[in-house]
Amino acid sequence: MPLVAEKTDGVSFIVSACGPTVSAGEEAFHEELIEAGKSTGEADWALEEWDGERGDDPRPVLRRAKTPTLWMFGEHDAVIPTRACLFELARLREEGHVFAADHNLRTPCGDGVLLEPVIVAWLTKIGVLE
């Protein structure tokens, strides 16, 4: 999404639901650990020690990104390594990039979260809506 926004005129904002901010290799390794029976937390921590092939990496595009983006992640996502993605967003923020806050897509009980109020509030905050 950030790459499309970079190459397309008129993109005012992005709402990303579980868009990875880590490489395809990191994402695949995390998913393999989950499939092998590791908990999401165990897979998150193991990813910190991983030093394999990275493959496609969104970080260079994210460093150039200028479009306001609302990043939303699932706390217990078996595919996207949420903890690592949030860490990358924090690192990008420290480098001078500005991103919106993250939001879990499920409550602790497993219920879906109504996203419309979250998105509308964010669009109002960045000036897209009144």
Foldseek 3Di string as FASTA:
>chain_A
DLVVPVVDPDQQEEEAELDAQFAPVLLVQQLVCVVVPDFLVVSLVVSVVDDDDRHDHCNVSQLVGDHEYAYEYAPRDSRHSVVVRVVSVVVSVVVPDDYDDYYHQADPVRHGDDCVVVVVVVCVVVPNHD
